[in-house]
Amino acid sequence: MANFVLVHGAWHGAWCWQRVLAALHQQGQRAHAVTLTGLGERAHLLSPDITLETHIEDVRRLIEAEELDDVVLAVHSYAGMIGTAIADRMGGRLKHLVYVDAVVPKPGESWSSTQSRATQEQRLSAAAASQDFSFPPPDPSVFGLAGADHDWVQRRQTPHPGHTYRMPLNFDMQRVASVARTYVNCTEPALPTIEPSRLRVKDPGFWDGAWARGARVLELPTGHDPMISDPAALTRILMDCGG
C-alpha cells in the first residue's frame, strides 16, 4: 500500500484537499495533506523569513516524522517546485510524483522564471507594499470555479509568502527522473501561468531527454483546482499511481 502526501499550491492550504482525502480514506488508503508555513491554518506564521526552502522542509519533515516510504507525492501548481526538490533529495522514499497542473522547473529556475514580466512585476510590487512581503490571491474564477466552490475558495485563500517566488532551485535532472512521474494537465479552463510547464512535459527533449523517461501526461477537462472541481477523477489518478 502506498502512502499519499498531498501538497497544495499558492494561496491554498491542506483544506483544499478535503474531498480527495475523504475519498482516499474511504478506500482504506493512508493519506496526509500538508499545510505549508504561512498559509491556511498556519497563516499566523506568515513572515518575510519564509522561502522556498521553508516549504520544502515542511514536506520533508512530514515524510520523516510519519516514517513514510512508498510515497505518492501529489503537488499542485506552485508546489511543483517542492515536489521536484523532494524527488531530488528523497527520491528513495517516493513511489510516484504527481504534478497536478503544476510548475515543472529547469535546474536553477525559480517559480517566477516561466511567468511573464507583467505577472512578476505585479506580484513583486504587491509583496513589497505589504507588511510581511506577501502577495494576495486571485479571484477563484481564474481556476474555473463558480458558485459555492468559488465562494469557499475565496473565503479560504490567504496571501502567499513572497520570498518563495524568485528563489532558484538547483537539482539533478537524472535523479528526479528516476522517480516515476505523472503530469495532470487541467484544460478547461487552462490557467495561463502554467502553460510553459504544459509545453515542457510534452517535449521529448525536456531535461535533456530525462523527463520523458518514466513520465506520462494525462489530461483532465476541468480547471486548475481539480481537487475541488473534479475530486473523483483526480482520486482515480492518484489511486492508479499508488497501485
C-alpha atoms as a PDB file:
ATOM      1  CA  MET A   1       0.000   0.000   0.000  1.00  0.00           C
ATOM      2  CA  ALA A   2       1.259   3.470  -0.897  1.00  0.00           C
ATOM      3  CA  ASN A   3       1.293   6.473   1.398  1.00  0.00           C
ATOM      4  CA  PHE A   4      -0.291   9.569  -0.148  1.00  0.00           C
ATOM      5  CA  VAL A   5       1.124  13.018   0.632  1.00  0.00           C
ATOM      6  CA  LEU A   6      -0.802  15.946  -0.843  1.00  0.00           C
ATOM      7  CA  VAL A   7       0.764  19.406  -1.154  1.00  0.00           C
ATOM      8  CA  HIS A   8      -1.289  22.471  -2.062  1.00  0.00           C
ATOM      9  CA  GLY A   9      -0.266  25.342  -4.294  1.00  0.00           C
ATOM     10  CA  ALA A  10      -0.082  29.086  -3.727  1.00  0.00           C
ATOM     11  CA  TRP A  11      -2.701  30.808  -1.521  1.00  0.00           C
ATOM     12  CA  HIS A  12      -4.247  27.447  -0.539  1.00  0.00           C
ATOM     13  CA  GLY A  13      -3.827  25.111   2.435  1.00  0.00           C
ATOM     14  CA  ALA A  14      -4.453  21.483   3.340  1.00  0.00           C
ATOM     15  CA  TRP A  15      -8.151  22.417   3.346  1.00  0.00           C
ATOM     16  CA  CYS A  16      -8.295  22.305  -0.463  1.00  0.00           C
ATOM     17  CA  TRP A  17      -7.665  18.530  -0.427  1.00  0.00           C
ATOM     18  CA  GLN A  18     -10.662  17.708   1.838  1.00  0.00           C
ATOM     19  CA  ARG A  19     -12.633  15.880  -0.841  1.00  0.00           C
ATOM     20  CA  VAL A  20      -9.680  13.882  -2.139  1.00  0.00           C
ATOM     21  CA  LEU A  21      -8.552  12.991   1.387  1.00  0.00           C
ATOM     22  CA  ALA A  22     -12.039  11.739   2.231  1.00  0.00           C
ATOM     23  CA  ALA A  23     -12.139   9.631  -0.928  1.00  0.00           C
ATOM     24  CA  LEU A  24      -8.718   8.121  -0.261  1.00  0.00           C
ATOM     25  CA  HIS A  25      -9.594   7.351   3.353  1.00  0.00           C
ATOM     26  CA  GLN A  26     -12.877   5.738   2.285  1.00  0.00           C
ATOM     27  CA  GLN A  27     -10.827   3.359   0.142  1.00  0.00           C
ATOM     28  CA  GLY A  28      -8.628   2.440   3.097  1.00  0.00           C
ATOM     29  CA  GLN A  29      -5.621   4.471   1.994  1.00  0.00           C
ATOM     30  CA  ARG A  30      -3.136   6.271   4.229  1.00  0.00           C
ATOM     31  CA  ALA A  31      -3.110   9.935   3.214  1.00  0.00           C
ATOM     32  CA  HIS A  32      -1.741  13.176   4.624  1.00  0.00           C
ATOM     33  CA  ALA A  33      -2.283  16.750   3.436  1.00  0.00           C
ATOM     34  CA  VAL A  34       0.387  19.318   4.294  1.00  0.00           C
ATOM     35  CA  THR A  35      -0.256  22.968   5.074  1.00  0.00           C
ATOM     36  CA  LEU A  36       2.810  24.985   4.138  1.00  0.00           C
ATOM     37  CA  THR A  37       4.169  27.565   6.586  1.00  0.00           C
ATOM     38  CA  GLY A  38       2.356  30.901   6.409  1.00  0.00           C
ATOM     39  CA  LEU A  39      -0.733  29.567   4.635  1.00  0.00           C
ATOM     40  CA  GLY A  40      -4.107  28.071   5.522  1.00  0.00           C
ATOM     41  CA  GLU A  41      -4.446  27.470   9.259  1.00  0.00           C
ATOM     42  CA  ARG A  42      -0.767  28.423   9.555  1.00  0.00           C
ATOM     43  CA  ALA A  43      -1.344  31.915   8.117  1.00  0.00           C
ATOM     44  CA  HIS A  44      -0.489  33.405  11.501  1.00  0.00           C
ATOM     45  CA  LEU A  45       3.118  32.330  10.801  1.00  0.00           C
ATOM     46  CA  LEU A  46       3.364  34.421   7.625  1.00  0.00           C
ATOM     47  CA  SER A  47       6.609  36.407   7.608  1.00  0.00           C
ATOM     48  CA  PRO A  48       9.320  37.696   5.265  1.00  0.00           C
ATOM     49  CA  ASP A  49      11.558  34.873   6.515  1.00  0.00           C
ATOM     50  CA  ILE A  50       9.621  32.186   4.618  1.00  0.00           C
ATOM     51  CA  THR A  51      11.365  30.923   1.480  1.00  0.00           C
ATOM     52  CA  LEU A  52      11.025  28.003  -0.913  1.00  0.00           C
ATOM     53  CA  GLU A  53      13.371  26.060   1.381  1.00  0.00           C
ATOM     54  CA  THR A  54      10.933  26.573   4.282  1.00  0.00           C
ATOM     55  CA  HIS A  55       8.212  24.841   2.297  1.00  0.00           C
ATOM     56  CA  ILE A  56      10.496  22.054   1.099  1.00  0.00           C
ATOM     57  CA  GLU A  57      11.366  21.445   4.738  1.00  0.00           C
ATOM     58  CA  ASP A  58       7.647  21.323   5.676  1.00  0.00           C
ATOM     59  CA  VAL A  59       7.151  18.387   3.313  1.00  0.00           C
ATOM     60  CA  ARG A  60      10.431  16.671   4.150  1.00  0.00           C
ATOM     61  CA  ARG A  61       9.649  16.783   7.851  1.00  0.00           C
ATOM     62  CA  LEU A  62       6.183  15.292   7.383  1.00  0.00           C
ATOM     63  CA  ILE A  63       7.629  12.365   5.423  1.00  0.00           C
ATOM     64  CA  GLU A  64      10.315  11.865   8.057  1.00  0.00           C
ATOM     65  CA  ALA A  65       8.033  12.321  11.081  1.00  0.00           C
ATOM     66  CA  GLU A  66       5.408   9.909   9.752  1.00  0.00           C
ATOM     67  CA  GLU A  67       8.166   7.442   8.703  1.00  0.00           C
ATOM     68  CA  LEU A  68       6.720   7.175   5.207  1.00  0.00           C
ATOM     69  CA  ASP A  69       8.036   5.100   2.332  1.00  0.00           C
ATOM     70  CA  ASP A  70       6.395   4.254  -0.998  1.00  0.00           C
ATOM     71  CA  VAL A  71       5.036   7.800  -1.061  1.00  0.00           C
ATOM     72  CA  VAL A  72       2.739   9.015  -3.818  1.00  0.00           C
ATOM     73  CA  LEU A  73       3.555  12.717  -3.621  1.00  0.00           C
ATOM     74  CA  ALA A  74       0.938  14.918  -5.289  1.00  0.00           C
ATOM     75  CA  VAL A  75       1.999  18.536  -5.741  1.00  0.00           C
ATOM     76  CA  HIS A  76      -0.309  21.250  -7.037  1.00  0.00           C
ATOM     77  CA  SER A  77       0.650  24.365  -9.009  1.00  0.00           C
ATOM     78  CA  TYR A  78       3.479  26.263  -7.191  1.00  0.00           C
ATOM     79  CA  ALA A  79       4.240  23.087  -5.223  1.00  0.00           C
ATOM     80  CA  GLY A  80       5.736  21.566  -8.366  1.00  0.00           C
ATOM     81  CA  MET A  81       8.881  23.351  -7.187  1.00  0.00           C
ATOM     82  CA  ILE A  82       8.632  21.495  -3.870  1.00  0.00           C
ATOM     83  CA  GLY A  83       7.910  18.101  -5.421  1.00  0.00           C
ATOM     84  CA  THR A  84      10.919  18.428  -7.704  1.00  0.00           C
ATOM     85  CA  ALA A  85      13.145  19.199  -4.712  1.00  0.00           C
ATOM     86  CA  ILE A  86      11.785  16.265  -2.678  1.00  0.00           C
ATOM     87  CA  ALA A  87      12.337  13.865  -5.594  1.00  0.00           C
ATOM     88  CA  ASP A  88      15.907  15.138  -5.871  1.00  0.00           C
ATOM     89  CA  ARG A  89      16.671  14.870  -2.161  1.00  0.00           C
ATOM     90  CA  MET A  90      14.437  12.000  -1.012  1.00  0.00           C
ATOM     91  CA  GLY A  91      13.710  10.091  -4.198  1.00  0.00           C
ATOM     92  CA  GLY A  92      14.236   6.753  -2.486  1.00  0.00           C
ATOM     93  CA  ARG A  93      11.173   7.424  -0.326  1.00  0.00           C
ATOM     94  CA  LEU A  94       8.890   8.124  -3.296  1.00  0.00           C
ATOM     95  CA  LYS A  95       6.854   5.657  -5.316  1.00  0.00           C
ATOM     96  CA  HIS A  96       5.371   8.240  -7.675  1.00  0.00           C
ATOM     97  CA  LEU A  97       5.461  12.014  -8.114  1.00  0.00           C
ATOM     98  CA  VAL A  98       2.234  13.544  -9.415  1.00  0.00           C
ATOM     99  CA  TYR A  99       2.409  17.088 -10.758  1.00  0.00           C
ATOM    100  CA  VAL A 100      -1.172  18.400 -10.572  1.00  0.00           C
ATOM    101  CA  ASP A 101      -1.319  21.244 -13.121  1.00  0.00           C
ATOM    102  CA  ALA A 102       1.997  22.229 -11.598  1.00  0.00           C
ATOM    103  CA  VAL A 103       5.168  24.138 -12.315  1.00  0.00           C
ATOM    104  CA  VAL A 104       7.993  21.930 -13.598  1.00  0.00           C
ATOM    105  CA  PRO A 105      11.282  23.866 -13.422  1.00  0.00           C
ATOM    106  CA  LYS A 106      14.628  23.525 -15.080  1.00  0.00           C
ATOM    107  CA  PRO A 107      17.659  23.462 -12.737  1.00  0.00           C
ATOM    108  CA  GLY A 108      18.426  26.953 -11.475  1.00  0.00           C
ATOM    109  CA  GLU A 109      14.952  28.325 -12.179  1.00  0.00           C
ATOM    110  CA  SER A 110      12.553  29.842  -9.691  1.00  0.00           C
ATOM    111  CA  TRP A 111       8.762  29.679  -9.600  1.00  0.00           C
ATOM    112  CA  SER A 112       8.686  33.066 -11.319  1.00  0.00           C
ATOM    113  CA  SER A 113      11.053  32.093 -14.146  1.00  0.00           C
ATOM    114  CA  THR A 114       8.371  30.889 -16.568  1.00  0.00           C
ATOM    115  CA  GLN A 115       5.931  33.722 -15.867  1.00  0.00           C
ATOM    116  CA  SER A 116       5.519  36.923 -17.821  1.00  0.00           C
ATOM    117  CA  ARG A 117       7.328  40.089 -16.836  1.00  0.00           C
ATOM    118  CA  ALA A 118       3.963  41.731 -16.125  1.00  0.00           C
ATOM    119  CA  THR A 119       2.957  38.951 -13.720  1.00  0.00           C
ATOM    120  CA  GLN A 120       6.316  39.077 -11.981  1.00  0.00           C
ATOM    121  CA  GLU A 121       6.187  42.839 -11.559  1.00  0.00           C
ATOM    122  CA  GLN A 122       2.619  42.739 -10.273  1.00  0.00           C
ATOM    123  CA  ARG A 123       3.350  40.095  -7.640  1.00  0.00           C
ATOM    124  CA  LEU A 124       6.644  41.569  -6.511  1.00  0.00           C
ATOM    125  CA  SER A 125       5.167  45.074  -6.279  1.00  0.00           C
ATOM    126  CA  ALA A 126       2.307  43.756  -4.158  1.00  0.00           C
ATOM    127  CA  ALA A 127       4.767  41.921  -1.901  1.00  0.00           C
ATOM    128  CA  ALA A 128       6.950  44.999  -1.476  1.00  0.00           C
ATOM    129  CA  ALA A 129       3.897  47.040  -0.483  1.00  0.00           C
ATOM    130  CA  SER A 130       2.801  44.536   2.175  1.00  0.00           C
ATOM    131  CA  GLN A 131       3.998  44.375   5.768  1.00  0.00           C
ATOM    132  CA  ASP A 132       5.017  40.713   5.516  1.00  0.00           C
ATOM    133  CA  PHE A 133       6.273  40.560   1.898  1.00  0.00           C
ATOM    134  CA  SER A 134       3.349  38.560   0.571  1.00  0.00           C
ATOM    135  CA  PHE A 135       1.073  38.864  -2.431  1.00  0.00           C
ATOM    136  CA  PRO A 136      -2.708  38.422  -2.429  1.00  0.00           C
ATOM    137  CA  PRO A 137      -4.694  35.590  -4.032  1.00  0.00           C
ATOM    138  CA  PRO A 138      -6.547  35.939  -7.329  1.00  0.00           C
ATOM    139  CA  ASP A 139     -10.275  35.576  -7.721  1.00  0.00           C
ATOM    140  CA  PRO A 140     -11.020  31.804  -7.842  1.00  0.00           C
ATOM    141  CA  SER A 141     -12.863  32.259 -11.120  1.00  0.00           C
ATOM    142  CA  VAL A 142      -9.446  32.045 -12.834  1.00  0.00           C
ATOM    143  CA  PHE A 143      -9.326  28.442 -11.588  1.00  0.00           C
ATOM    144  CA  GLY A 144     -12.614  27.709 -13.333  1.00  0.00           C
ATOM    145  CA  LEU A 145     -14.591  27.751 -10.091  1.00  0.00           C
ATOM    146  CA  ALA A 146     -18.109  29.117  -9.729  1.00  0.00           C
ATOM    147  CA  GLY A 147     -20.974  29.077  -7.262  1.00  0.00           C
ATOM    148  CA  ALA A 148     -20.401  27.537  -3.838  1.00  0.00           C
ATOM    149  CA  ASP A 149     -16.943  26.219  -4.768  1.00  0.00           C
ATOM    150  CA  HIS A 150     -15.852  29.702  -5.841  1.00  0.00           C
ATOM    151  CA  ASP A 151     -17.137  31.226  -2.611  1.00  0.00           C
ATOM    152  CA  TRP A 152     -15.498  28.537  -0.458  1.00  0.00           C
ATOM    153  CA  VAL A 153     -12.080  29.035  -2.052  1.00  0.00           C
ATOM    154  CA  GLN A 154     -12.409  32.811  -1.935  1.00  0.00           C
ATOM    155  CA  ARG A 155     -13.077  32.633   1.821  1.00  0.00           C
ATOM    156  CA  ARG A 156     -10.187  30.247   2.489  1.00  0.00           C
ATOM    157  CA  GLN A 157      -7.357  31.631   0.368  1.00  0.00           C
ATOM    158  CA  THR A 158      -4.634  33.633   2.127  1.00  0.00           C
ATOM    159  CA  PRO A 159      -1.700  35.780   0.916  1.00  0.00           C
ATOM    160  CA  HIS A 160       1.335  33.849  -0.288  1.00  0.00           C
ATOM    161  CA  PRO A 161       4.889  34.350   1.088  1.00  0.00           C
ATOM    162  CA  GLY A 162       6.727  36.478  -1.467  1.00  0.00           C
ATOM    163  CA  HIS A 163      10.238  35.143  -0.937  1.00  0.00           C
ATOM    164  CA  THR A 164       9.174  31.780  -2.351  1.00  0.00           C
ATOM    165  CA  TYR A 165       8.682  33.453  -5.722  1.00  0.00           C
ATOM    166  CA  ARG A 166      12.172  34.194  -7.011  1.00  0.00           C
ATOM    167  CA  MET A 167      14.288  31.687  -5.075  1.00  0.00           C
ATOM    168  CA  PRO A 168      16.066  29.357  -7.541  1.00  0.00           C
ATOM    169  CA  LEU A 169      16.036  25.587  -7.174  1.00  0.00           C
ATOM    170  CA  ASN A 170      19.063  23.553  -8.133  1.00  0.00           C
ATOM    171  CA  PHE A 171      18.574  19.828  -8.647  1.00  0.00           C
ATOM    172  CA  ASP A 172      19.868  16.833 -10.566  1.00  0.00           C
ATOM    173  CA  MET A 173      17.541  16.135 -13.512  1.00  0.00           C
ATOM    174  CA  GLN A 174      18.596  12.493 -13.750  1.00  0.00           C
ATOM    175  CA  ARG A 175      17.927  11.908 -10.067  1.00  0.00           C
ATOM    176  CA  VAL A 176      14.430  13.411 -10.260  1.00  0.00           C
ATOM    177  CA  ALA A 177      13.732  11.488 -13.467  1.00  0.00           C
ATOM    178  CA  SER A 178      14.500   8.227 -11.669  1.00  0.00           C
ATOM    179  CA  VAL A 179      11.173   8.675  -9.846  1.00  0.00           C
ATOM    180  CA  ALA A 180       8.040   7.660 -11.767  1.00  0.00           C
ATOM    181  CA  ARG A 181       6.111  10.810 -12.683  1.00  0.00           C
ATOM    182  CA  THR A 182       2.635  11.739 -13.882  1.00  0.00           C
ATOM    183  CA  TYR A 183       1.671  15.202 -15.054  1.00  0.00           C
ATOM    184  CA  VAL A 184      -2.036  16.070 -14.768  1.00  0.00           C
ATOM    185  CA  ASN A 185      -2.854  18.762 -17.310  1.00  0.00           C
ATOM    186  CA  CYS A 186      -6.058  20.621 -16.413  1.00  0.00           C
ATOM    187  CA  THR A 187      -7.514  22.022 -19.602  1.00  0.00           C
ATOM    188  CA  GLU A 188     -10.963  23.572 -19.014  1.00  0.00           C
ATOM    189  CA  PRO A 189     -10.080  26.332 -18.444  1.00  0.00           C
ATOM    190  CA  ALA A 190      -6.292  26.154 -18.734  1.00  0.00           C
ATOM    191  CA  LEU A 191      -4.554  28.561 -16.346  1.00  0.00           C
ATOM    192  CA  PRO A 192      -2.179  30.700 -18.470  1.00  0.00           C
ATOM    193  CA  THR A 193       0.688  30.824 -15.963  1.00  0.00           C
ATOM    194  CA  ILE A 194       1.021  27.017 -16.141  1.00  0.00           C
ATOM    195  CA  GLU A 195       1.224  26.901 -19.945  1.00  0.00           C
ATOM    196  CA  PRO A 196       5.063  26.839 -20.135  1.00  0.00           C
ATOM    197  CA  SER A 197       5.128  23.708 -17.969  1.00  0.00           C
ATOM    198  CA  ARG A 198       2.376  22.078 -20.038  1.00  0.00           C
ATOM    199  CA  LEU A 199       4.509  22.553 -23.130  1.00  0.00           C
ATOM    200  CA  ARG A 200       7.666  21.310 -21.413  1.00  0.00           C
ATOM    201  CA  VAL A 201       6.270  17.999 -20.278  1.00  0.00           C
ATOM    202  CA  LYS A 202       5.216  17.196 -23.847  1.00  0.00           C
ATOM    203  CA  ASP A 203       8.715  17.972 -25.187  1.00  0.00           C
ATOM    204  CA  PRO A 204      10.829  14.786 -25.542  1.00  0.00           C
ATOM    205  CA  GLY A 205      13.967  16.901 -25.155  1.00  0.00           C
ATOM    206  CA  PHE A 206      12.981  18.430 -21.797  1.00  0.00           C
ATOM    207  CA  TRP A 207      15.599  17.947 -19.052  1.00  0.00           C
ATOM    208  CA  ASP A 208      17.995  16.869 -21.808  1.00  0.00           C
ATOM    209  CA  GLY A 209      15.645  13.999 -22.565  1.00  0.00           C
ATOM    210  CA  ALA A 210      15.490  12.781 -18.957  1.00  0.00           C
ATOM    211  CA  TRP A 211      11.885  13.906 -18.406  1.00  0.00           C
ATOM    212  CA  ALA A 212      10.449  11.507 -20.987  1.00  0.00           C
ATOM    213  CA  ARG A 213      11.917   8.515 -19.160  1.00  0.00           C
ATOM    214  CA  GLY A 214       9.295   7.210 -16.726  1.00  0.00           C
ATOM    215  CA  ALA A 215       6.838  10.076 -17.205  1.00  0.00           C
ATOM    216  CA  ARG A 216       3.338  10.322 -18.613  1.00  0.00           C
ATOM    217  CA  VAL A 217       0.948  13.209 -19.225  1.00  0.00           C
ATOM    218  CA  LEU A 218      -2.790  12.907 -18.536  1.00  0.00           C
ATOM    219  CA  GLU A 219      -5.499  15.461 -19.245  1.00  0.00           C
ATOM    220  CA  LEU A 220      -8.452  16.379 -17.054  1.00  0.00           C
ATOM    221  CA  PRO A 221     -11.199  18.506 -18.620  1.00  0.00           C
ATOM    222  CA  THR A 222     -11.540  20.712 -15.550  1.00  0.00           C
ATOM    223  CA  GLY A 223      -9.963  23.845 -14.103  1.00  0.00           C
ATOM    224  CA  HIS A 224      -6.772  24.495 -12.177  1.00  0.00           C
ATOM    225  CA  ASP A 225      -8.161  23.237  -8.823  1.00  0.00           C
ATOM    226  CA  PRO A 226      -9.202  19.674  -9.753  1.00  0.00           C
ATOM    227  CA  MET A 227      -9.141  18.584  -6.119  1.00  0.00           C
ATOM    228  CA  ILE A 228     -12.178  20.857  -5.779  1.00  0.00           C
ATOM    229  CA  SER A 229     -13.787  20.818  -9.231  1.00  0.00           C
ATOM    230  CA  ASP A 230     -13.298  17.093 -10.023  1.00  0.00           C
ATOM    231  CA  PRO A 231     -12.034  15.271  -6.934  1.00  0.00           C
ATOM    232  CA  ALA A 232     -13.317  11.874  -8.091  1.00  0.00           C
ATOM    233  CA  ALA A 233     -11.283  11.945 -11.301  1.00  0.00           C
ATOM    234  CA  LEU A 234      -8.170  13.175  -9.506  1.00  0.00           C
ATOM    235  CA  THR A 235      -8.564  10.487  -6.838  1.00  0.00           C
ATOM    236  CA  ARG A 236      -8.716   7.809  -9.535  1.00  0.00           C
ATOM    237  CA  ILE A 237      -5.457   9.082 -10.988  1.00  0.00           C
ATOM    238  CA  LEU A 238      -3.781   9.070  -7.584  1.00  0.00           C
ATOM    239  CA  MET A 239      -5.016   5.559  -6.842  1.00  0.00           C
ATOM    240  CA  ASP A 240      -3.624   4.385 -10.167  1.00  0.00           C
ATOM    241  CA  CYS A 241      -0.246   5.923  -9.293  1.00  0.00           C
ATOM    242  CA  GLY A 242      -0.271   4.089  -5.970  1.00  0.00           C
ATOM    243  CA  GLY A 243      -1.263   0.741  -7.437  1.00  0.00           C
END
